[in-house]
Amino acid sequence: MHYLNNKELEAIRLIRNYLLQKGHFPSVRSLMKELGYKSPRSAAIILESLISKGFVEKSDTGNLRLLVKERITNRENHAETVNIPLLGMVACGLPILAEENIEAYIPVSVQIAKPANKYFLLKAKGTSMNEARININDGDLVLFKQQSTANNGDIVVALVDDEATIKEFQHKGDMIILKPKSSDKMHQPIILTSDFKVQGIVVTAIPY
């Protein structure tokens, strides 16, 4: 078992908060400032230690990812959690849950994320669904159940023009209509062909 010193624990807390707030891993210079260092080398050493201890993973392309591998049980209230991937920017037509999109793993209660299904988290941008049945505001963390089909009225996420979008799903004849539910009437429906597929269904939104 690898133990973390106080500075490493602080770095993990700062990285997780940065991921939740910004949706991507902090740069070495950002981490340097957050940790109160004067040199980026000091922050780089912390990152190298977290990588060697298995708390941060570095991909072949140099991207960093925060890892929390174990299932966690809170002894006080026996609340069990599972680690759900938090996804970063999605581009170039990649599937939303492609391995390279995962920025971190966030513990979520099994009462919300049922172990029989697969889930992922996205950070919401904008106000296009702030009046939806499941209220989604700018900056919320949105939990999705991974699936490629939906029923009319479901709130879904899918790739449209290489960007992840969250909308209400409506299937009419040969058309799919992705409808906003917003207080801002500037948001308009997106009309697609029937071969269009969703990538997940909204379970809940978590204000952050």
C-alpha atoms as a PDB file:
ATOM      1  CA  MET A   1       0.000   0.000   0.000  1.00  0.00           C
ATOM      2  CA  HIS A   2       1.306   3.453  -0.902  1.00  0.00           C
ATOM      3  CA  TYR A   3       0.864   6.196   1.680  1.00  0.00           C
ATOM      4  CA  LEU A   4       0.541   9.880   0.826  1.00  0.00           C
ATOM      5  CA  ASN A   5       2.177  12.732   2.705  1.00  0.00           C
ATOM      6  CA  ASN A   6       0.219  15.886   3.547  1.00  0.00           C
ATOM      7  CA  LYS A   7       1.356  17.741   0.423  1.00  0.00           C
ATOM      8  CA  GLU A   8       0.349  14.833  -1.816  1.00  0.00           C
ATOM      9  CA  LEU A   9      -3.073  14.617  -0.125  1.00  0.00           C
ATOM     10  CA  GLU A  10      -3.516  18.350  -0.644  1.00  0.00           C
ATOM     11  CA  ALA A  11      -2.523  17.973  -4.305  1.00  0.00           C
ATOM     12  CA  ILE A  12      -5.133  15.239  -4.840  1.00  0.00           C
ATOM     13  CA  ARG A  13      -7.821  17.417  -3.212  1.00  0.00           C
ATOM     14  CA  LEU A  14      -6.838  20.384  -5.391  1.00  0.00           C
ATOM     15  CA  ILE A  15      -6.741  18.268  -8.560  1.00  0.00           C
ATOM     16  CA  ARG A  16     -10.185  16.811  -7.842  1.00  0.00           C
ATOM     17  CA  ASN A  17     -11.666  20.264  -7.141  1.00  0.00           C
ATOM     18  CA  TYR A  18     -10.067  21.643 -10.306  1.00  0.00           C
ATOM     19  CA  LEU A  19     -11.516  18.772 -12.368  1.00  0.00           C
ATOM     20  CA  LEU A  20     -14.983  19.348 -10.931  1.00  0.00           C
ATOM     21  CA  GLN A  21     -14.830  23.107 -11.487  1.00  0.00           C
ATOM     22  CA  LYS A  22     -12.988  23.281 -14.824  1.00  0.00           C
ATOM     23  CA  GLY A  23     -13.662  19.872 -16.335  1.00  0.00           C
ATOM     24  CA  HIS A  24     -10.008  19.135 -17.135  1.00  0.00           C
ATOM     25  CA  PHE A  25      -6.742  18.300 -15.385  1.00  0.00           C
ATOM     26  CA  PRO A  26      -4.769  21.311 -14.068  1.00  0.00           C
ATOM     27  CA  SER A  27      -1.494  22.291 -15.727  1.00  0.00           C
ATOM     28  CA  VAL A  28       1.737  22.043 -13.748  1.00  0.00           C
ATOM     29  CA  ARG A  29       1.761  25.838 -13.391  1.00  0.00           C
ATOM     30  CA  SER A  30      -1.840  25.894 -12.140  1.00  0.00           C
ATOM     31  CA  LEU A  31      -0.994  23.212  -9.581  1.00  0.00           C
ATOM     32  CA  MET A  32       2.136  25.162  -8.602  1.00  0.00           C
ATOM     33  CA  LYS A  33       0.021  28.232  -7.800  1.00  0.00           C
ATOM     34  CA  GLU A  34      -2.632  26.246  -5.927  1.00  0.00           C
ATOM     35  CA  LEU A  35       0.000  24.495  -3.786  1.00  0.00           C
ATOM     36  CA  GLY A  36       1.838  27.759  -3.063  1.00  0.00           C
ATOM     37  CA  TYR A  37       5.073  26.791  -4.791  1.00  0.00           C
ATOM     38  CA  LYS A  38       7.332  29.297  -6.544  1.00  0.00           C
ATOM     39  CA  SER A  39       8.725  26.797  -9.059  1.00  0.00           C
ATOM     40  CA  PRO A  40       6.826  24.500 -11.468  1.00  0.00           C
ATOM     41  CA  ARG A  41       9.475  21.864 -10.777  1.00  0.00           C
ATOM     42  CA  SER A  42       8.145  21.445  -7.223  1.00  0.00           C
ATOM     43  CA  ALA A  43       4.642  20.755  -8.555  1.00  0.00           C
ATOM     44  CA  ALA A  44       6.079  18.390 -11.178  1.00  0.00           C
ATOM     45  CA  ILE A  45       7.820  16.389  -8.427  1.00  0.00           C
ATOM     46  CA  ILE A  46       4.497  16.026  -6.579  1.00  0.00           C
ATOM     47  CA  LEU A  47       2.839  14.799  -9.793  1.00  0.00           C
ATOM     48  CA  GLU A  48       5.651  12.336 -10.430  1.00  0.00           C
ATOM     49  CA  SER A  49       5.200  10.946  -6.917  1.00  0.00           C
ATOM     50  CA  LEU A  50       1.422  10.583  -7.400  1.00  0.00           C
ATOM     51  CA  ILE A  51       2.046   8.790 -10.705  1.00  0.00           C
ATOM     52  CA  SER A  52       4.567   6.398  -9.120  1.00  0.00           C
ATOM     53  CA  LYS A  53       2.119   5.628  -6.278  1.00  0.00           C
ATOM     54  CA  GLY A  54      -0.745   4.928  -8.693  1.00  0.00           C
ATOM     55  CA  PHE A  55      -3.000   7.885  -7.843  1.00  0.00           C
ATOM     56  CA  VAL A  56      -2.424   9.672 -11.160  1.00  0.00           C
ATOM     57  CA  GLU A  57      -2.028   7.935 -14.521  1.00  0.00           C
ATOM     58  CA  LYS A  58      -0.020   9.315 -17.453  1.00  0.00           C
ATOM     59  CA  SER A  59      -1.054   8.149 -20.916  1.00  0.00           C
ATOM     60  CA  ASP A  60       1.268   7.512 -23.861  1.00  0.00           C
ATOM     61  CA  THR A  61       0.283  10.941 -25.213  1.00  0.00           C
ATOM     62  CA  GLY A  62       1.197  12.649 -21.920  1.00  0.00           C
ATOM     63  CA  ASN A  63      -2.358  13.262 -20.683  1.00  0.00           C
ATOM     64  CA  LEU A  64      -2.892  12.939 -16.928  1.00  0.00           C
ATOM     65  CA  ARG A  65      -5.839  11.278 -15.172  1.00  0.00           C
ATOM     66  CA  LEU A  66      -6.768  11.115 -11.493  1.00  0.00           C
ATOM     67  CA  LEU A  67      -7.417   7.549 -10.339  1.00  0.00           C
ATOM     68  CA  VAL A  68      -9.390   6.275  -7.355  1.00  0.00           C
ATOM     69  CA  LYS A  69      -9.474   2.540  -7.918  1.00  0.00           C
ATOM     70  CA  GLU A  70     -11.093   1.044  -4.867  1.00  0.00           C
ATOM     71  CA  ARG A  71     -14.749   0.800  -3.870  1.00  0.00           C
ATOM     72  CA  ILE A  72     -15.251   2.796  -0.683  1.00  0.00           C
ATOM     73  CA  THR A  73     -17.474   1.948   2.283  1.00  0.00           C
ATOM     74  CA  ASN A  74     -18.220   4.595   4.882  1.00  0.00           C
ATOM     75  CA  ARG A  75     -18.194   2.700   8.187  1.00  0.00           C
ATOM     76  CA  GLU A  76     -20.313   5.331   9.894  1.00  0.00           C
ATOM     77  CA  ASN A  77     -23.382   5.064   7.679  1.00  0.00           C
ATOM     78  CA  HIS A  78     -22.448   2.031   5.538  1.00  0.00           C
ATOM     79  CA  ALA A  79     -22.849   4.110   2.360  1.00  0.00           C
ATOM     80  CA  GLU A  80     -21.126   2.291  -0.475  1.00  0.00           C
ATOM     81  CA  THR A  81     -19.904   4.133  -3.558  1.00  0.00           C
ATOM     82  CA  VAL A  82     -18.665   3.215  -7.019  1.00  0.00           C
ATOM     83  CA  ASN A  83     -16.181   5.244  -9.034  1.00  0.00           C
ATOM     84  CA  ILE A  84     -17.804   6.912 -12.046  1.00  0.00           C
ATOM     85  CA  PRO A  85     -15.675   8.396 -14.866  1.00  0.00           C
ATOM     86  CA  LEU A  86     -15.762  12.184 -15.225  1.00  0.00           C
ATOM     87  CA  LEU A  87     -15.276  13.051 -18.873  1.00  0.00           C
ATOM     88  CA  GLY A  88     -13.399  15.969 -20.371  1.00  0.00           C
ATOM     89  CA  MET A  89     -13.767  17.644 -23.744  1.00  0.00           C
ATOM     90  CA  VAL A  90     -15.149  15.445 -26.539  1.00  0.00           C
ATOM     91  CA  ALA A  91     -14.014  16.171 -30.099  1.00  0.00           C
ATOM     92  CA  CYS A  92     -13.341  14.711 -33.553  1.00  0.00           C
ATOM     93  CA  GLY A  93     -16.353  12.395 -33.441  1.00  0.00           C
ATOM     94  CA  LEU A  94     -14.970  10.215 -30.648  1.00  0.00           C
ATOM     95  CA  PRO A  95     -17.486   8.254 -28.580  1.00  0.00           C
ATOM     96  CA  ILE A  96     -18.201  10.158 -25.370  1.00  0.00           C
ATOM     97  CA  LEU A  97     -16.968   7.303 -23.188  1.00  0.00           C
ATOM     98  CA  ALA A  98     -13.703   6.803 -25.116  1.00  0.00           C
ATOM     99  CA  GLU A  99     -10.831   6.029 -22.758  1.00  0.00           C
ATOM    100  CA  GLU A 100      -8.947   9.187 -23.744  1.00  0.00           C
ATOM    101  CA  ASN A 101     -11.858  11.378 -22.600  1.00  0.00           C
ATOM    102  CA  ILE A 102     -11.736  10.271 -18.937  1.00  0.00           C
ATOM    103  CA  GLU A 103     -10.309  12.975 -16.653  1.00  0.00           C
ATOM    104  CA  ALA A 104     -10.986  11.393 -13.242  1.00  0.00           C
ATOM    105  CA  TYR A 105     -13.123   8.933 -11.290  1.00  0.00           C
ATOM    106  CA  ILE A 106     -15.674  10.354  -8.832  1.00  0.00           C
ATOM    107  CA  PRO A 107     -17.253   8.259  -6.029  1.00  0.00           C
ATOM    108  CA  VAL A 108     -21.072   8.102  -6.377  1.00  0.00           C
ATOM    109  CA  SER A 109     -23.488   6.253  -4.079  1.00  0.00           C
ATOM    110  CA  VAL A 110     -24.692   2.871  -5.365  1.00  0.00           C
ATOM    111  CA  GLN A 111     -28.176   4.049  -4.387  1.00  0.00           C
ATOM    112  CA  ILE A 112     -27.920   6.469  -7.346  1.00  0.00           C
ATOM    113  CA  ALA A 113     -25.552   4.602  -9.696  1.00  0.00           C
ATOM    114  CA  LYS A 114     -26.906   1.041  -9.630  1.00  0.00           C
ATOM    115  CA  PRO A 115     -24.021  -1.438 -10.069  1.00  0.00           C
ATOM    116  CA  ALA A 116     -25.854  -3.428 -12.782  1.00  0.00           C
ATOM    117  CA  ASN A 117     -25.507  -0.484 -15.215  1.00  0.00           C
ATOM    118  CA  LYS A 118     -22.642   1.610 -16.584  1.00  0.00           C
ATOM    119  CA  TYR A 119     -22.502   5.336 -15.849  1.00  0.00           C
ATOM    120  CA  PHE A 120     -20.474   8.455 -16.619  1.00  0.00           C
ATOM    121  CA  LEU A 121     -20.405  12.099 -15.521  1.00  0.00           C
ATOM    122  CA  LEU A 122     -20.266  15.283 -17.594  1.00  0.00           C
ATOM    123  CA  LYS A 123     -20.003  18.890 -16.479  1.00  0.00           C
ATOM    124  CA  ALA A 124     -22.926  20.877 -17.917  1.00  0.00           C
ATOM    125  CA  LYS A 125     -22.286  24.043 -19.904  1.00  0.00           C
ATOM    126  CA  GLY A 126     -24.916  26.679 -20.629  1.00  0.00           C
ATOM    127  CA  THR A 127     -28.613  27.019 -19.808  1.00  0.00           C
ATOM    128  CA  SER A 128     -30.346  24.996 -22.531  1.00  0.00           C
ATOM    129  CA  MET A 129     -31.877  22.564 -19.980  1.00  0.00           C
ATOM    130  CA  ASN A 130     -32.423  24.773 -16.922  1.00  0.00           C
ATOM    131  CA  GLU A 131     -36.202  24.219 -17.082  1.00  0.00           C
ATOM    132  CA  ALA A 132     -36.099  20.486 -17.821  1.00  0.00           C
ATOM    133  CA  ARG A 133     -37.864  17.832 -15.756  1.00  0.00           C
ATOM    134  CA  ILE A 134     -34.426  17.138 -14.274  1.00  0.00           C
ATOM    135  CA  ASN A 135     -33.195  20.689 -13.750  1.00  0.00           C
ATOM    136  CA  ILE A 136     -29.703  21.118 -15.259  1.00  0.00           C
ATOM    137  CA  ASN A 137     -27.866  24.385 -14.646  1.00  0.00           C
ATOM    138  CA  ASP A 138     -24.558  25.706 -15.932  1.00  0.00           C
ATOM    139  CA  GLY A 139     -21.701  24.022 -14.032  1.00  0.00           C
ATOM    140  CA  ASP A 140     -23.742  21.084 -12.682  1.00  0.00           C
ATOM    141  CA  LEU A 141     -22.272  17.585 -12.716  1.00  0.00           C
ATOM    142  CA  VAL A 142     -24.692  15.401 -14.693  1.00  0.00           C
ATOM    143  CA  LEU A 143     -24.844  11.642 -14.111  1.00  0.00           C
ATOM    144  CA  PHE A 144     -25.739   9.523 -17.165  1.00  0.00           C
ATOM    145  CA  LYS A 145     -26.636   5.862 -17.563  1.00  0.00           C
ATOM    146  CA  GLN A 146     -24.758   4.635 -20.619  1.00  0.00           C
ATOM    147  CA  GLN A 147     -27.082   3.396 -23.400  1.00  0.00           C
ATOM    148  CA  SER A 148     -27.696   4.016 -27.110  1.00  0.00           C
ATOM    149  CA  THR A 149     -31.516   4.101 -27.144  1.00  0.00           C
ATOM    150  CA  ALA A 150     -34.086   6.435 -25.584  1.00  0.00           C
ATOM    151  CA  ASN A 151     -37.829   6.951 -25.207  1.00  0.00           C
ATOM    152  CA  ASN A 152     -39.693  10.138 -26.022  1.00  0.00           C
ATOM    153  CA  GLY A 153     -39.263  12.598 -23.160  1.00  0.00           C
ATOM    154  CA  ASP A 154     -35.944  11.167 -21.936  1.00  0.00           C
ATOM    155  CA  ILE A 155     -33.148  13.664 -21.372  1.00  0.00           C
ATOM    156  CA  VAL A 156     -30.161  12.389 -23.325  1.00  0.00           C
ATOM    157  CA  VAL A 157     -26.565  13.195 -24.226  1.00  0.00           C
ATOM    158  CA  ALA A 158     -25.113  12.639 -27.691  1.00  0.00           C
ATOM    159  CA  LEU A 159     -22.457  13.875 -30.062  1.00  0.00           C
ATOM    160  CA  VAL A 160     -23.692  16.528 -32.477  1.00  0.00           C
ATOM    161  CA  ASP A 161     -21.089  18.218 -34.704  1.00  0.00           C
ATOM    162  CA  ASP A 162     -18.350  16.661 -32.547  1.00  0.00           C
ATOM    163  CA  GLU A 163     -19.725  18.191 -29.328  1.00  0.00           C
ATOM    164  CA  ALA A 164     -21.617  16.563 -26.484  1.00  0.00           C
ATOM    165  CA  THR A 165     -25.106  18.045 -26.154  1.00  0.00           C
ATOM    166  CA  ILE A 166     -27.802  17.420 -23.513  1.00  0.00           C
ATOM    167  CA  LYS A 167     -31.406  17.707 -24.720  1.00  0.00           C
ATOM    168  CA  GLU A 168     -34.882  16.157 -24.434  1.00  0.00           C
ATOM    169  CA  PHE A 169     -35.308  13.279 -26.904  1.00  0.00           C
ATOM    170  CA  GLN A 170     -38.291  13.106 -29.292  1.00  0.00           C
ATOM    171  CA  HIS A 171     -38.627  10.517 -32.096  1.00  0.00           C
ATOM    172  CA  LYS A 172     -41.156  11.438 -34.809  1.00  0.00           C
ATOM    173  CA  GLY A 173     -41.288   9.295 -37.950  1.00  0.00           C
ATOM    174  CA  ASP A 174     -37.892   9.438 -39.648  1.00  0.00           C
ATOM    175  CA  MET A 175     -36.724  12.341 -37.524  1.00  0.00           C
ATOM    176  CA  ILE A 176     -35.097  12.747 -34.145  1.00  0.00           C
ATOM    177  CA  ILE A 177     -35.716  16.090 -32.434  1.00  0.00           C
ATOM    178  CA  LEU A 178     -33.452  17.168 -29.584  1.00  0.00           C
ATOM    179  CA  LYS A 179     -35.398  19.816 -27.700  1.00  0.00           C
ATOM    180  CA  PRO A 180     -34.029  22.406 -25.263  1.00  0.00           C
ATOM    181  CA  LYS A 181     -35.978  23.183 -22.103  1.00  0.00           C
ATOM    182  CA  SER A 182     -34.686  26.623 -21.244  1.00  0.00           C
ATOM    183  CA  SER A 183     -35.651  30.003 -19.845  1.00  0.00           C
ATOM    184  CA  ASP A 184     -33.501  31.430 -22.670  1.00  0.00           C
ATOM    185  CA  LYS A 185     -35.555  31.272 -25.879  1.00  0.00           C
ATOM    186  CA  MET A 186     -32.392  31.640 -27.963  1.00  0.00           C
ATOM    187  CA  HIS A 187     -31.916  27.856 -27.629  1.00  0.00           C
ATOM    188  CA  GLN A 188     -33.487  26.019 -30.578  1.00  0.00           C
ATOM    189  CA  PRO A 189     -34.330  22.352 -31.292  1.00  0.00           C
ATOM    190  CA  ILE A 190     -31.854  20.201 -33.220  1.00  0.00           C
ATOM    191  CA  ILE A 191     -33.425  18.050 -35.979  1.00  0.00           C
ATOM    192  CA  LEU A 192     -31.596  14.863 -37.032  1.00  0.00           C
ATOM    193  CA  THR A 193     -32.235  11.698 -39.040  1.00  0.00           C
ATOM    194  CA  SER A 194     -33.516   8.475 -37.474  1.00  0.00           C
ATOM    195  CA  ASP A 195     -30.122   6.717 -37.646  1.00  0.00           C
ATOM    196  CA  PHE A 196     -28.922   9.100 -34.925  1.00  0.00           C
ATOM    197  CA  LYS A 197     -28.005   7.430 -31.608  1.00  0.00           C
ATOM    198  CA  VAL A 198     -27.808   8.706 -28.054  1.00  0.00           C
ATOM    199  CA  GLN A 199     -24.942   7.787 -25.740  1.00  0.00           C
ATOM    200  CA  GLY A 200     -26.594   8.128 -22.353  1.00  0.00           C
ATOM    201  CA  ILE A 201     -29.716   9.002 -20.372  1.00  0.00           C
ATOM    202  CA  VAL A 202     -29.681  11.572 -17.565  1.00  0.00           C
ATOM    203  CA  VAL A 203     -30.126  10.047 -14.105  1.00  0.00           C
ATOM    204  CA  THR A 204     -29.645  13.187 -12.008  1.00  0.00           C
ATOM    205  CA  ALA A 205     -27.892  16.557 -11.929  1.00  0.00           C
ATOM    206  CA  ILE A 206     -25.608  17.494  -9.038  1.00  0.00           C
ATOM    207  CA  PRO A 207     -25.176  21.223  -8.348  1.00  0.00           C
ATOM    208  CA  TYR A 208     -21.532  22.147  -7.979  1.00  0.00           C
END
